[in-house]
Protein backbone atom coordinates (compact mmCIF):
# COMPACT_ATOMS: atom_id res chain seq x y z
CA UNK A 1 0.00 0.00 0.00
CA UNK A 2 1.39 3.38 -1.05
CA UNK A 3 0.36 5.02 2.21
CA UNK A 4 2.97 3.10 4.18
CA UNK A 5 5.76 4.93 2.36
CA UNK A 6 4.06 8.32 2.21
CA UNK A 7 4.39 11.07 4.80
CA UNK A 8 2.45 9.90 7.84
CA UNK A 9 3.14 6.33 6.72
CA UNK A 10 1.81 3.71 9.09
CA UNK A 11 -0.50 6.13 10.91
CA UNK A 12 -2.19 7.04 7.61
CA UNK A 13 -2.42 3.40 6.54
CA UNK A 14 -4.07 2.51 9.85
CA UNK A 15 -6.93 4.90 9.02
CA UNK A 16 -7.68 3.29 5.65
CA UNK A 17 -10.46 0.73 5.42
CA UNK A 18 -10.58 -1.29 2.22
CA UNK A 19 -13.91 -2.79 1.19
CA UNK A 20 -14.65 -5.33 -1.50
CA UNK A 21 -18.37 -5.46 -2.19
CA UNK A 22 -21.14 -5.11 -4.76
CA UNK A 23 -21.44 -1.34 -4.95
CA UNK A 24 -25.02 -1.56 -6.19
CA UNK A 25 -26.13 -3.13 -2.90
CA UNK A 26 -23.39 -2.31 -0.35
CA UNK A 27 -23.85 0.69 1.92
CA UNK A 28 -21.05 2.19 4.01
CA UNK A 29 -21.30 1.51 7.76
CA UNK A 30 -21.37 5.26 8.40
CA UNK A 31 -24.32 5.71 6.06
CA UNK A 32 -24.63 7.97 3.02
CA UNK A 33 -22.09 10.77 2.82
CA UNK A 34 -19.53 9.02 5.04
CA UNK A 35 -16.81 7.83 2.64
CA UNK A 36 -13.66 9.91 2.12
CA UNK A 37 -12.67 8.44 -1.24
CA UNK A 38 -13.67 5.84 -3.80
CA UNK A 39 -10.98 4.50 -6.12
CA UNK A 40 -12.20 2.67 -9.21
CA UNK A 41 -9.23 1.15 -10.99
CA UNK A 42 -10.37 -0.56 -14.18
CA UNK A 43 -13.73 -1.30 -12.56
CA UNK A 44 -16.08 -1.95 -15.48
CA UNK A 45 -19.85 -2.00 -15.12
CA UNK A 46 -22.48 -2.66 -17.78
CA UNK A 47 -23.93 0.40 -19.48
CA UNK A 48 -27.35 -0.46 -18.01
CA UNK A 49 -25.98 -0.48 -14.44
CA UNK A 50 -23.65 2.51 -14.74
CA UNK A 51 -26.12 5.31 -13.88
CA UNK A 52 -27.12 3.55 -10.62
CA UNK A 53 -23.49 2.64 -9.96
CA UNK A 54 -22.28 6.23 -10.29
CA UNK A 55 -25.22 7.53 -8.24
CA UNK A 56 -24.28 5.08 -5.46
CA UNK A 57 -20.68 6.31 -5.55
CA UNK A 58 -21.81 9.95 -5.44
CA UNK A 59 -24.19 9.26 -2.54
CA UNK A 60 -21.65 7.43 -0.38
CA UNK A 61 -19.00 10.19 -0.62
CA UNK A 62 -18.84 12.76 2.16
CA UNK A 63 -18.72 16.46 1.23
CA UNK A 64 -15.18 17.00 -0.05
CA UNK A 65 -14.82 13.28 -0.78
CA UNK A 66 -12.99 12.15 -3.89
CA UNK A 67 -13.77 9.78 -6.73
CA UNK A 68 -10.59 8.64 -8.47
CA UNK A 69 -11.29 6.54 -11.54
CA UNK A 70 -9.40 5.04 -14.45
CA UNK A 71 -11.23 2.74 -16.85
CA UNK A 72 -10.78 1.49 -20.38
CA UNK A 73 -12.13 3.77 -23.11
CA UNK A 74 -14.10 2.21 -26.03
CA UNK A 75 -11.04 2.89 -28.22
CA UNK A 76 -9.41 -0.01 -26.37
CA UNK A 77 -11.44 -2.24 -28.69
CA UNK A 78 -11.93 0.10 -31.66
CA UNK A 79 -8.16 0.62 -32.05
CA UNK A 80 -7.33 -3.05 -31.46
CA UNK A 81 -5.44 -2.68 -28.15
CA UNK A 82 -7.46 -5.26 -26.20
CA UNK A 83 -5.51 -8.40 -27.24
CA UNK A 84 -2.32 -7.12 -25.59
CA UNK A 85 -3.42 -4.74 -22.84
CA UNK A 86 -6.75 -6.31 -21.86
CA UNK A 87 -10.14 -4.99 -20.93
CA UNK A 88 -13.73 -6.13 -21.34
CA UNK A 89 -14.84 -7.76 -24.60
CA UNK A 90 -17.87 -5.46 -24.76
CA UNK A 91 -17.11 -1.82 -25.65
CA UNK A 92 -20.37 -0.94 -23.86
CA UNK A 93 -18.57 -1.70 -20.59
CA UNK A 94 -15.97 0.94 -21.37
CA UNK A 95 -16.47 4.59 -20.53
CA UNK A 96 -15.95 7.93 -22.24
CA UNK A 97 -15.16 11.19 -20.50
CA UNK A 98 -18.39 12.64 -21.88
CA UNK A 99 -20.38 9.92 -20.11
CA UNK A 100 -18.63 10.48 -16.77
CA UNK A 101 -19.17 14.21 -17.03
CA UNK A 102 -22.85 13.58 -17.73
CA UNK A 103 -23.23 11.26 -14.74
CA UNK A 104 -21.26 13.38 -12.27
CA UNK A 105 -20.09 16.62 -13.82
CA UNK A 106 -21.71 19.48 -11.97
CA UNK A 107 -24.12 17.27 -10.02
CA UNK A 108 -22.99 18.43 -6.63
CA UNK A 109 -19.28 18.40 -7.29
CA UNK A 110 -16.28 19.56 -9.27
CA UNK A 111 -14.17 17.79 -11.87
CA UNK A 112 -10.52 18.02 -10.83
CA UNK A 113 -9.12 15.99 -13.71
CA UNK A 114 -10.68 14.46 -16.78
CA UNK A 115 -8.90 13.08 -19.79
CA UNK A 116 -8.97 10.38 -22.41
CA UNK A 117 -5.49 9.16 -23.13
CA UNK A 118 -3.40 6.34 -24.49
CA UNK A 119 -0.33 5.02 -22.75
CA UNK A 120 1.65 1.81 -22.40
CA UNK A 121 0.27 -0.42 -19.66
CA UNK A 122 2.74 -2.67 -17.87
CA UNK A 123 0.56 -4.68 -15.51
CA UNK A 124 1.68 -8.23 -16.19
CA UNK A 125 1.40 -10.70 -19.04
CA UNK A 126 -2.22 -9.99 -20.00
CA UNK A 127 -2.10 -6.23 -19.52
CA UNK A 128 1.00 -5.06 -21.36
CA UNK A 129 0.94 -2.74 -24.32
CA UNK A 130 -0.74 0.39 -25.56
CA UNK A 131 -4.07 1.05 -23.89
CA UNK A 132 -6.87 3.60 -24.29
CA UNK A 133 -8.23 4.84 -20.96
CA UNK A 134 -10.47 7.44 -19.41
CA UNK A 135 -9.13 9.08 -16.26
CA UNK A 136 -11.41 11.09 -13.99
CA UNK A 137 -11.04 12.74 -10.59
CA UNK A 138 -14.09 14.40 -9.03
CA UNK A 139 -14.66 16.09 -5.66
CA UNK A 140 -18.09 16.12 -4.06
CA UNK A 141 -19.24 19.58 -2.96
């Protein structure tokens, strides 16, 4: 965990609670508006579930809470990158910046970073090579 080497190291890491759950049904123990940050690293959800998924994320964040997200962009398939750098088979599970802005945008928060980019992924045998991603950081008001 990166926090153990950051300033505040072990004390900061001790305050982090990691959860692995179905975000469409899981609710934070502190209730809505109690989560400091949600990190979605290549977390792909069907297009049909995405509006509810993003609403759940928005609702669980506390005021000032952060969403940090990086997901494959549909160009991952359209440009032929998937065989080397991975991702879902269905481009409908991939996300554009326009979609994220529509689902979060100015709905009670501020975009801190938003970009669609391509870079070389080096995440092991099945995720190595050029990839097309959408990166988004949003702060709840």
